[in-house]
Amino acid sequence: MFSKLNPSKNSSRKKRLSILSSLLVISLLIPNLISFKVSAAMEVPTLYTPFAGQVFTSGRNFLFDWSSCSDSVGFAIDYEIQVSTEPNFSTVEFYESTELSSEYYYFTSYQIDDGFYYWRVRAEGFFEGWSAWSYTWNFTIAEIPPLPPILISPFQDANLNTKKPEFNWEISLKDTSHPYHGQYPGSYNIQISNSSDFSYLHIDSETLTNNYTSEIALSDGEYWWRVRPIGFLGTVGQWSTSNFTVDTIVPTAPIQQSPNIAQLLTGEPTALTWDYVAGAKEYNVQLSNNEYFLPTFFDEKVSSYYYITATSLSEGTYYWRVRAIDFADNVGVWSDIWYFKVDTNPPTINEVTFGPTLPTVDDEVMIYCDVTDFGNINYIKVTYQYDGEEEWFEDYATLFMGTIYTFSIGPFSEPRQVNFYLTAVDEMAHVSNSTMFHVQIVQPITSANYPLGVSSVLFSLFSSMIISTVIRKKRRKKS
């Protein structure tokens, strides 16, 4: 609202009444000297300034001016001015009455917002009363622009992986730091350049909203962007400026370091390592029990170029891969697929056989054992003694075929009992022991009952049968 700096309308009316009273007194005292003629209406003021459509952009001090008006008696004794934001003056922002015979009013420093306004004037005579209103003129105060907007995205020094980025900022506010208020934004001017001084513009556009999506594809590189508000009355505000980088090149694939391909591990929390990739912000590492990574046991993002599993791994084969993600969120290609094995269990001694089943002192006793492990067998040790004596002997079995290991003892000088057990140790130093086995060594059968060499023939046949039986069992287990 405007505030009044000139005498009030009541004061003006008091003056008019005072003058009118004086004239009446004089007319009574000197009746032949003064006569009144009240047949003519009061003139309607003609507006001078502010002229229709005038815009004030640098100050709120200006003059309302109009023509002087009279009637049959004389000049107007009062003028009333109205200012409104509505053409029908349904609401009035400001009204005032001027001094006697004053046909202007000086408007200065009122607390009125920037805006579009209408104004009109009417005159009042001694006897004819108020005239009709003048024609309505308009003027605009467009001095204070909206405040610079707060830029949201891309944020300062942002890295973007799109060539047509979207720009967002907060809606600009009216400047309320003055005793009168400025304008709301009507639109925004956005500019994008590859130089900080905006000497070359890739984009110079106006938008009605507080966001804008680039209409042209930007090449990879660094850019600056700025936005300024344009008030709804056309007053241009100050720039807000920021910068960003367009980066659409994906990172290279990391080179894996450890575990090596097919490396055997204990299953404790496992460290996966790879080489640093230039420009990488983080890495996506996946671990699965199949090369298709369905499902994945771990699918994590880490900022370092290694990853340690949070838990111990169970026995099995694991596949892993890694890819880099840069600061623009470009996702690189996967590395090679490497695998490693986890061995958490000791070897399994599946079956132990020996032959011949009734060995004599002249025979060499062959011991066969079927030993399996997820990893590799380091060695199989045979520990044996004779007739329960305190002294124990040790020797090592050799691989015969597949998972079959063999060891031989004998011949013997005399009948006796051989006691033995097996110890299997795998590559991860896991140990398993068999139960105790017993072999009774007897005197050979005399040649009177059997042809020469029959025991050797029988043993060879028996050994072949044992090996065939073990192999068949092994195949059945695999199938």
Protein backbone atom coordinates (compact mmCIF):
# COMPACT_ATOMS: atom_id res chain seq x y z
CA MET A 1 0.00 0.00 0.00
CA PHE A 2 0.99 3.59 -0.56
CA SER A 3 1.29 5.90 2.46
CA LYS A 4 0.19 9.54 2.33
CA LEU A 5 2.75 12.32 2.35
CA ASN A 6 0.35 15.25 1.48
CA PRO A 7 -2.47 16.71 3.59
CA SER A 8 -5.39 14.39 4.00
CA LYS A 9 -8.67 14.60 2.20
CA ASN A 10 -10.36 15.74 5.43
CA SER A 11 -7.97 18.65 5.66
CA SER A 12 -8.76 19.63 2.08
CA ARG A 13 -12.47 19.49 2.74
CA LYS A 14 -12.05 21.69 5.81
CA LYS A 15 -10.33 24.28 3.66
CA ARG A 16 -13.09 24.04 1.05
CA LEU A 17 -15.77 24.49 3.72
CA SER A 18 -13.88 27.39 5.22
CA ILE A 19 -13.67 29.15 1.86
CA LEU A 20 -17.33 28.39 1.13
CA SER A 21 -18.40 29.83 4.51
CA SER A 22 -16.42 32.98 3.86
CA LEU A 23 -18.11 33.48 0.47
CA LEU A 24 -21.55 33.01 2.01
CA VAL A 25 -20.86 35.61 4.68
CA ILE A 26 -19.66 38.06 2.04
CA SER A 27 -22.73 37.37 -0.09
CA LEU A 28 -24.99 38.23 2.79
CA LEU A 29 -23.14 41.43 3.57
CA ILE A 30 -22.81 42.56 -0.02
CA PRO A 31 -25.62 40.73 -1.89
CA ASN A 32 -25.29 42.77 -5.10
CA LEU A 33 -21.59 42.12 -5.52
CA ILE A 34 -21.54 38.29 -5.72
CA SER A 35 -23.82 35.89 -7.56
CA PHE A 36 -23.50 32.14 -8.10
CA LYS A 37 -24.00 30.23 -11.32
CA VAL A 38 -24.29 26.47 -10.89
CA SER A 39 -25.51 25.34 -14.26
CA ALA A 40 -22.15 23.98 -15.65
CA ALA A 41 -20.63 20.63 -14.57
CA MET A 42 -17.08 20.21 -13.31
CA GLU A 43 -14.49 19.50 -16.01
CA VAL A 44 -12.90 16.05 -16.23
CA PRO A 45 -9.09 16.06 -15.77
CA THR A 46 -6.82 15.19 -18.67
CA LEU A 47 -3.89 12.99 -17.67
CA TYR A 48 -0.32 14.01 -18.54
CA THR A 49 2.17 11.81 -16.68
CA PRO A 50 2.93 9.01 -16.12
CA PHE A 51 1.90 8.55 -19.76
CA ALA A 52 0.12 5.37 -20.77
CA GLY A 53 2.49 2.38 -20.74
CA GLN A 54 5.38 4.21 -19.10
CA VAL A 55 7.90 1.92 -17.33
CA PHE A 56 9.98 2.97 -14.33
CA THR A 57 13.16 0.89 -13.97
CA SER A 58 15.44 3.12 -11.88
CA GLY A 59 13.59 4.66 -9.01
CA ARG A 60 10.16 5.10 -7.53
CA ASN A 61 10.08 8.91 -7.38
CA PHE A 62 7.89 10.32 -10.13
CA LEU A 63 5.18 12.89 -10.66
CA PHE A 64 1.47 12.37 -11.25
CA ASP A 65 0.37 15.31 -13.40
CA TRP A 66 -2.91 16.25 -15.06
CA SER A 67 -4.76 19.30 -16.41
CA SER A 68 -6.34 21.88 -14.17
CA CYS A 69 -10.14 21.81 -14.10
CA SER A 70 -12.82 24.43 -13.50
CA ASP A 71 -16.55 24.95 -13.47
CA SER A 72 -18.75 28.04 -13.79
CA VAL A 73 -17.61 29.28 -10.44
CA GLY A 74 -13.89 28.77 -10.81
CA PHE A 75 -11.08 26.31 -10.56
CA ALA A 76 -11.43 22.97 -8.81
CA ILE A 77 -10.81 23.07 -5.14
CA ASP A 78 -9.80 19.40 -4.85
CA TYR A 79 -8.48 16.51 -6.92
CA GLU A 80 -8.50 12.85 -6.00
CA ILE A 81 -6.05 10.34 -7.46
CA GLN A 82 -6.43 6.55 -7.35
CA VAL A 83 -3.91 3.80 -8.17
CA SER A 84 -4.93 0.14 -8.54
CA THR A 85 -3.70 -3.19 -9.89
CA GLU A 86 -7.19 -3.75 -11.37
CA PRO A 87 -8.54 -1.85 -14.39
CA ASN A 88 -11.93 -1.52 -12.68
CA PHE A 89 -10.31 -0.27 -9.46
CA SER A 90 -12.08 -2.96 -7.44
CA THR A 91 -9.14 -2.72 -5.07
CA VAL A 92 -7.18 0.47 -4.55
CA GLU A 93 -3.48 0.38 -3.74
CA PHE A 94 -3.27 4.11 -3.18
CA TYR A 95 -5.51 7.19 -3.12
CA GLU A 96 -4.89 10.79 -2.19
CA SER A 97 -6.43 14.27 -2.38
CA THR A 98 -4.27 17.20 -3.41
CA GLU A 99 -3.97 20.70 -2.04
CA LEU A 100 -6.43 23.40 -3.17
CA SER A 101 -5.93 24.14 -6.90
CA SER A 102 -3.02 21.70 -7.18
CA GLU A 103 -3.20 19.62 -10.39
CA TYR A 104 -0.26 17.36 -9.70
CA TYR A 105 0.96 15.00 -7.05
CA TYR A 106 4.57 13.98 -6.43
CA PHE A 107 4.89 10.31 -5.70
CA THR A 108 7.98 9.45 -3.69
CA SER A 109 9.40 6.31 -1.98
CA TYR A 110 6.20 4.52 -1.24
CA GLN A 111 6.32 0.87 -0.25
CA ILE A 112 4.83 -0.52 -3.38
CA ASP A 113 5.91 -3.74 -5.07
CA ASP A 114 7.11 -3.91 -8.61
CA GLY A 115 4.08 -4.37 -10.77
CA PHE A 116 1.61 -3.14 -13.38
CA TYR A 117 -0.69 -0.34 -12.19
CA TYR A 118 -3.67 1.77 -13.37
CA TRP A 119 -4.30 5.37 -12.34
CA ARG A 120 -7.04 7.98 -12.71
CA VAL A 121 -8.02 11.41 -11.37
CA ARG A 122 -11.22 13.38 -10.77
CA ALA A 123 -11.84 16.99 -9.80
CA GLU A 124 -14.20 18.60 -7.30
CA GLY A 125 -15.77 22.03 -7.67
CA PHE A 126 -17.34 24.38 -5.16
CA PHE A 127 -20.94 23.56 -6.03
CA GLU A 128 -21.02 21.00 -8.81
CA GLY A 129 -19.27 18.36 -6.68
CA TRP A 130 -17.06 15.68 -8.18
CA SER A 131 -16.46 15.32 -11.85
CA ALA A 132 -16.43 12.03 -13.67
CA TRP A 133 -13.18 10.05 -13.53
CA SER A 134 -10.57 10.69 -16.14
CA TYR A 135 -9.58 8.09 -18.66
CA THR A 136 -7.53 5.30 -17.08
CA TRP A 137 -3.83 5.14 -17.88
CA ASN A 138 -1.33 2.53 -16.80
CA PHE A 139 2.31 2.45 -15.81
CA THR A 140 4.81 -0.18 -14.70
CA ILE A 141 7.36 -0.26 -11.89
CA ALA A 142 10.05 -2.75 -12.84
CA GLU A 143 13.07 -1.86 -10.76
CA ILE A 144 14.04 -4.86 -8.61
CA PRO A 145 14.69 -8.22 -10.37
CA PRO A 146 14.26 -11.61 -8.70
CA LEU A 147 17.16 -12.93 -6.66
CA PRO A 148 19.77 -15.09 -8.45
CA PRO A 149 18.67 -18.76 -8.45
CA ILE A 150 20.39 -21.47 -6.40
CA LEU A 151 21.80 -24.04 -8.82
CA ILE A 152 21.04 -27.68 -7.96
CA SER A 153 22.38 -29.96 -10.68
CA PRO A 154 24.84 -30.56 -12.14
CA PHE A 155 26.55 -29.65 -8.88
CA GLN A 156 29.95 -27.92 -8.81
CA ASP A 157 32.66 -30.01 -10.54
CA ALA A 158 30.17 -32.76 -11.36
CA ASN A 159 31.08 -35.50 -13.83
CA LEU A 160 28.30 -36.50 -16.21
CA ASN A 161 28.09 -39.49 -18.53
CA THR A 162 25.45 -37.99 -20.82
CA LYS A 163 25.95 -35.65 -23.75
CA LYS A 164 22.54 -34.04 -23.20
CA PRO A 165 22.50 -33.24 -19.46
CA GLU A 166 19.55 -31.93 -17.50
CA PHE A 167 19.98 -28.69 -15.53
CA ASN A 168 17.95 -27.84 -12.43
CA TRP A 169 17.82 -24.87 -10.09
CA GLU A 170 15.58 -23.55 -7.36
CA ILE A 171 12.83 -21.09 -8.23
CA SER A 172 14.10 -17.53 -7.80
CA LEU A 173 12.55 -15.49 -5.00
CA LYS A 174 11.38 -11.92 -4.77
CA ASP A 175 13.95 -9.62 -3.25
CA THR A 176 12.51 -8.70 0.16
CA SER A 177 15.59 -6.87 1.40
CA HIS A 178 14.10 -3.50 0.33
CA PRO A 179 11.19 -1.66 1.98
CA TYR A 180 9.29 -2.51 -1.19
CA HIS A 181 9.39 -5.89 -2.91
CA GLY A 182 10.69 -6.88 -6.31
CA GLN A 183 9.37 -9.27 -8.92
CA TYR A 184 8.77 -12.96 -9.16
CA PRO A 185 10.54 -14.64 -12.07
CA GLY A 186 8.71 -14.88 -15.34
CA SER A 187 11.42 -16.89 -17.12
CA TYR A 188 15.09 -17.81 -16.93
CA ASN A 189 18.04 -17.33 -19.24
CA ILE A 190 20.49 -20.28 -19.30
CA GLN A 191 23.88 -20.26 -21.00
CA ILE A 192 26.42 -23.08 -21.45
CA SER A 193 30.00 -22.53 -22.57
CA ASN A 194 33.30 -24.36 -22.72
CA SER A 195 35.07 -21.33 -21.23
CA SER A 196 34.65 -19.68 -17.85
CA ASP A 197 34.20 -16.23 -19.41
CA PHE A 198 31.38 -17.48 -21.65
CA SER A 199 33.10 -16.00 -24.69
CA TYR A 200 31.65 -18.81 -26.80
CA LEU A 201 28.16 -20.10 -26.13
CA HIS A 202 27.08 -23.63 -26.96
CA ILE A 203 23.63 -22.87 -25.58
CA ASP A 204 21.85 -19.56 -24.94
CA SER A 205 18.22 -20.27 -24.22
CA GLU A 206 15.22 -18.98 -22.28
CA THR A 207 12.91 -21.27 -20.35
CA LEU A 208 9.75 -20.70 -18.37
CA THR A 209 10.53 -23.41 -15.83
CA ASN A 210 13.37 -23.97 -13.37
CA ASN A 211 14.88 -26.80 -15.40
CA TYR A 212 16.34 -27.31 -18.85
CA THR A 213 17.57 -30.30 -20.86
CA SER A 214 20.30 -29.69 -23.41
CA GLU A 215 18.94 -29.76 -26.94
CA ILE A 216 22.37 -30.37 -28.47
CA ALA A 217 24.89 -33.13 -27.77
CA LEU A 218 27.93 -31.85 -25.90
CA SER A 219 31.34 -33.35 -26.60
CA ASP A 220 33.41 -34.79 -23.78
CA GLY A 221 35.14 -32.02 -21.85
CA GLU A 222 34.71 -29.32 -19.19
CA TYR A 223 31.84 -26.82 -19.33
CA TRP A 224 30.48 -23.86 -17.40
CA TRP A 225 26.81 -23.06 -17.02
CA ARG A 226 24.91 -20.13 -15.59
CA VAL A 227 21.32 -19.05 -15.07
CA ARG A 228 19.75 -15.67 -14.39
CA PRO A 229 16.10 -14.83 -13.66
CA ILE A 230 14.00 -12.51 -15.76
CA GLY A 231 11.25 -10.89 -13.74
CA PHE A 232 7.68 -11.13 -14.94
CA LEU A 233 7.98 -7.41 -15.77
CA GLY A 234 11.15 -8.01 -17.79
CA THR A 235 13.77 -6.95 -15.24
CA VAL A 236 16.89 -9.12 -15.63
CA GLY A 237 18.61 -10.48 -12.52
CA GLN A 238 22.15 -11.59 -11.74
CA TRP A 239 23.85 -14.79 -12.93
CA SER A 240 24.45 -17.90 -10.85
CA THR A 241 27.38 -19.92 -12.25
CA SER A 242 28.75 -23.46 -11.88
CA ASN A 243 30.77 -25.98 -13.91
CA PHE A 244 30.70 -29.65 -14.87
CA THR A 245 32.50 -32.20 -17.03
CA VAL A 246 31.02 -34.46 -19.69
CA ASP A 247 32.71 -37.88 -19.66
CA THR A 248 31.17 -40.70 -21.69
CA ILE A 249 34.27 -42.91 -22.05
CA VAL A 250 34.00 -46.13 -20.03
CA PRO A 251 36.97 -47.26 -17.89
CA THR A 252 39.23 -50.07 -19.03
CA ALA A 253 38.89 -53.54 -17.55
CA PRO A 254 40.93 -54.16 -14.38
CA ILE A 255 43.79 -56.64 -14.51
CA GLN A 256 43.42 -59.26 -11.79
CA GLN A 257 46.29 -60.12 -9.47
CA SER A 258 45.21 -62.75 -6.95
CA PRO A 259 44.13 -65.42 -6.23
CA ASN A 260 45.75 -66.95 -9.28
CA ILE A 261 43.74 -69.11 -11.62
CA ALA A 262 42.97 -72.50 -10.01
CA GLN A 263 44.78 -71.49 -6.81
CA LEU A 264 43.78 -73.56 -3.79
CA LEU A 265 42.78 -71.65 -0.65
CA THR A 266 41.83 -72.55 2.90
CA GLY A 267 38.43 -70.85 2.90
CA GLU A 268 39.27 -68.15 5.41
CA PRO A 269 38.11 -64.63 4.43
CA THR A 270 39.66 -64.31 1.00
CA ALA A 271 41.30 -61.22 -0.52
CA LEU A 272 40.62 -60.56 -4.22
CA THR A 273 43.07 -58.03 -5.70
CA TRP A 274 43.50 -56.27 -9.06
CA ASP A 275 45.43 -53.39 -10.61
CA TYR A 276 44.34 -49.77 -10.17
CA VAL A 277 42.38 -48.34 -13.11
CA ALA A 278 43.03 -44.69 -13.96
CA GLY A 279 40.01 -42.47 -13.27
CA ALA A 280 38.11 -45.11 -11.34
CA LYS A 281 35.90 -43.97 -8.48
CA GLU A 282 34.97 -47.47 -7.34
CA TYR A 283 34.96 -51.08 -8.43
CA ASN A 284 32.17 -53.64 -8.76
CA VAL A 285 33.36 -57.13 -7.81
CA GLN A 286 31.32 -60.31 -8.18
CA LEU A 287 31.89 -63.80 -6.79
CA SER A 288 29.93 -66.91 -7.78
CA ASN A 289 30.18 -70.67 -7.79
CA ASN A 290 29.62 -70.77 -11.56
CA GLU A 291 31.09 -68.91 -14.50
CA TYR A 292 27.69 -67.43 -15.45
CA PHE A 293 27.41 -65.61 -12.10
CA LEU A 294 23.89 -66.85 -11.47
CA PRO A 295 23.56 -66.52 -8.60
CA THR A 296 26.29 -64.36 -7.14
CA PHE A 297 27.52 -64.88 -3.59
CA PHE A 298 28.94 -61.38 -3.47
CA ASP A 299 28.13 -58.37 -5.65
CA GLU A 300 29.81 -55.44 -3.95
CA LYS A 301 31.15 -51.97 -4.75
CA VAL A 302 34.40 -50.91 -3.13
CA SER A 303 36.55 -47.79 -3.44
CA SER A 304 39.84 -49.68 -3.08
CA TYR A 305 41.33 -52.07 -5.62
CA TYR A 306 40.92 -55.13 -3.44
CA TYR A 307 38.02 -56.89 -1.75
CA ILE A 308 38.08 -59.23 1.26
CA THR A 309 35.13 -61.57 1.63
CA ALA A 310 33.20 -60.86 4.78
CA THR A 311 32.86 -64.52 5.71
CA SER A 312 34.75 -67.77 5.27
CA LEU A 313 34.00 -69.71 2.11
CA SER A 314 32.83 -73.29 2.08
CA GLU A 315 34.59 -75.93 0.03
CA GLY A 316 34.13 -75.56 -3.69
CA THR A 317 35.20 -73.73 -6.84
CA TYR A 318 34.62 -69.98 -7.05
CA TYR A 319 34.61 -67.64 -10.04
CA TRP A 320 35.23 -63.91 -9.77
CA ARG A 321 35.42 -60.82 -11.93
CA VAL A 322 35.68 -57.05 -11.43
CA ARG A 323 34.90 -53.87 -13.35
CA ALA A 324 35.64 -50.18 -12.78
CA ILE A 325 33.16 -47.30 -12.38
CA ASP A 326 34.46 -43.77 -12.96
CA PHE A 327 33.41 -40.43 -11.43
CA ALA A 328 30.85 -39.91 -14.19
CA ASP A 329 29.30 -43.28 -13.27
CA ASN A 330 30.44 -44.83 -16.52
CA VAL A 331 30.52 -48.59 -15.92
CA GLY A 332 33.49 -50.32 -17.49
CA VAL A 333 33.74 -53.76 -19.06
CA TRP A 334 34.28 -56.84 -16.93
CA SER A 335 37.71 -58.26 -16.37
CA ASP A 336 38.56 -61.83 -17.32
CA ILE A 337 36.84 -64.53 -15.29
CA TRP A 338 39.25 -66.14 -12.88
CA TYR A 339 38.55 -68.99 -10.52
CA PHE A 340 40.03 -70.47 -7.38
CA LYS A 341 39.28 -73.44 -5.19
CA VAL A 342 38.58 -73.65 -1.50
CA ASP A 343 39.56 -76.85 0.28
CA THR A 344 38.31 -77.04 3.85
CA ASN A 345 38.07 -80.84 4.39
CA PRO A 346 40.75 -83.53 4.84
CA PRO A 347 41.21 -86.29 2.25
CA THR A 348 38.75 -89.17 2.22
CA ILE A 349 40.20 -92.71 2.42
CA ASN A 350 37.43 -94.52 0.58
CA GLU A 351 38.66 -98.12 0.45
CA VAL A 352 41.73 -100.17 1.44
CA THR A 353 42.48 -103.62 0.01
CA PHE A 354 45.52 -105.86 -0.01
CA GLY A 355 46.62 -109.13 -1.66
CA PRO A 356 47.04 -111.88 -1.71
CA THR A 357 44.42 -112.44 0.97
CA LEU A 358 46.40 -115.34 2.44
CA PRO A 359 49.98 -114.19 1.95
CA THR A 360 52.91 -116.46 2.75
CA VAL A 361 56.40 -115.57 3.85
CA ASP A 362 57.47 -115.82 0.20
CA ASP A 363 54.90 -113.27 -1.02
CA GLU A 364 55.10 -109.54 -1.49
CA VAL A 365 51.94 -108.04 -0.03
CA MET A 366 50.42 -105.26 -2.20
CA ILE A 367 48.31 -102.68 -0.40
CA TYR A 368 45.86 -100.61 -2.47
CA CYS A 369 43.97 -97.57 -1.26
CA ASP A 370 41.44 -95.27 -2.94
CA VAL A 371 41.94 -91.72 -1.62
CA THR A 372 40.06 -88.60 -2.86
CA ASP A 373 40.28 -84.92 -2.00
CA PHE A 374 38.78 -81.70 -3.41
CA GLY A 375 42.28 -80.40 -3.87
CA ASN A 376 45.46 -82.34 -4.41
CA ILE A 377 46.92 -85.16 -2.34
CA ASN A 378 50.30 -84.18 -0.97
CA TYR A 379 51.30 -87.68 0.18
CA ILE A 380 49.98 -90.96 1.63
CA LYS A 381 52.04 -92.51 4.38
CA VAL A 382 51.87 -96.14 5.47
CA THR A 383 52.78 -96.81 9.09
CA TYR A 384 53.24 -100.49 10.04
CA GLN A 385 54.65 -102.85 12.67
CA TYR A 386 55.22 -106.61 13.06
CA ASP A 387 53.56 -108.85 15.65
CA GLY A 388 52.61 -105.92 17.87
CA GLU A 389 56.21 -104.94 18.48
CA GLU A 390 56.94 -101.46 19.70
CA GLU A 391 58.93 -100.41 16.66
CA TRP A 392 56.94 -98.81 13.87
CA PHE A 393 58.08 -98.36 10.29
CA GLU A 394 57.01 -95.71 7.76
CA ASP A 395 56.92 -95.63 4.02
CA TYR A 396 55.00 -93.73 1.35
CA ALA A 397 52.51 -95.02 -1.17
CA THR A 398 52.80 -94.13 -4.83
CA LEU A 399 50.05 -93.23 -7.28
CA PHE A 400 49.02 -96.25 -9.26
CA MET A 401 46.15 -94.96 -11.36
CA GLY A 402 43.48 -92.24 -10.93
CA THR A 403 42.91 -92.04 -7.20
CA ILE A 404 44.41 -95.49 -6.46
CA TYR A 405 47.66 -95.52 -4.49
CA THR A 406 49.80 -98.61 -3.83
CA PHE A 407 52.45 -99.80 -1.41
CA SER A 408 54.16 -103.18 -0.94
CA ILE A 409 55.80 -105.01 1.96
CA GLY A 410 57.53 -108.43 2.08
CA PRO A 411 58.62 -111.05 1.45
CA PHE A 412 59.07 -112.13 5.00
CA SER A 413 61.58 -114.43 6.72
CA GLU A 414 59.01 -116.08 8.92
CA PRO A 415 55.29 -116.11 9.62
CA ARG A 416 54.03 -113.01 11.38
CA GLN A 417 51.19 -110.51 11.63
CA VAL A 418 51.54 -107.12 9.95
CA ASN A 419 49.54 -104.22 11.45
CA PHE A 420 49.27 -101.01 9.40
CA TYR A 421 47.24 -97.81 8.92
CA LEU A 422 47.28 -95.04 6.32
CA THR A 423 47.73 -91.31 6.75
CA ALA A 424 46.57 -89.07 3.88
CA VAL A 425 47.72 -85.41 3.76
CA ASP A 426 46.43 -82.96 1.14
CA GLU A 427 47.95 -79.79 -0.27
CA MET A 428 46.31 -77.64 2.42
CA ALA A 429 47.88 -79.87 5.14
CA HIS A 430 44.56 -81.41 6.07
CA VAL A 431 45.17 -84.88 7.58
CA SER A 432 43.05 -88.01 7.77
CA ASN A 433 43.95 -91.45 9.17
CA SER A 434 42.49 -94.81 8.35
CA THR A 435 41.61 -97.50 10.85
CA MET A 436 44.16 -100.16 11.72
CA PHE A 437 44.43 -103.10 9.30
CA HIS A 438 45.90 -106.56 10.01
CA VAL A 439 47.56 -109.02 7.58
CA GLN A 440 48.52 -112.53 8.69
CA ILE A 441 51.66 -113.94 6.99
CA VAL A 442 51.75 -117.78 6.89
CA GLN A 443 54.03 -120.56 5.70
CA PRO A 444 53.74 -121.34 1.99
CA ILE A 445 51.70 -124.33 0.78
CA THR A 446 53.91 -127.29 -0.20
CA SER A 447 54.51 -128.13 -3.83
CA ALA A 448 53.06 -131.62 -3.33
CA ASN A 449 49.56 -130.17 -3.28
CA TYR A 450 49.92 -127.40 -5.91
CA PRO A 451 52.01 -127.01 -9.03
CA LEU A 452 55.11 -124.91 -8.82
CA GLY A 453 54.34 -121.19 -8.85
CA VAL A 454 50.64 -121.53 -8.30
CA SER A 455 50.65 -119.05 -5.44
CA SER A 456 52.18 -116.41 -7.68
CA VAL A 457 49.60 -117.07 -10.36
CA LEU A 458 46.76 -116.90 -7.86
CA PHE A 459 48.07 -113.64 -6.46
CA SER A 460 48.33 -112.08 -9.91
CA LEU A 461 44.79 -113.06 -10.70
CA PHE A 462 43.59 -111.84 -7.30
CA SER A 463 45.38 -108.53 -7.69
CA SER A 464 43.77 -107.99 -11.06
CA MET A 465 40.37 -108.72 -9.58
CA ILE A 466 40.97 -106.27 -6.72
CA ILE A 467 42.05 -103.47 -9.04
CA SER A 468 39.10 -104.10 -11.37
CA THR A 469 36.70 -104.08 -8.44
CA VAL A 470 38.11 -100.81 -7.08
CA ILE A 471 37.97 -99.14 -10.52
CA ARG A 472 34.34 -100.27 -11.03
CA LYS A 473 33.36 -98.90 -7.64
CA LYS A 474 35.09 -95.65 -8.45
CA ARG A 475 33.26 -95.33 -11.74
CA ARG A 476 29.92 -96.08 -10.06
CA LYS A 477 30.57 -93.31 -7.54
CA LYS A 478 31.40 -90.80 -10.29
CA SER A 479 28.32 -91.73 -12.28
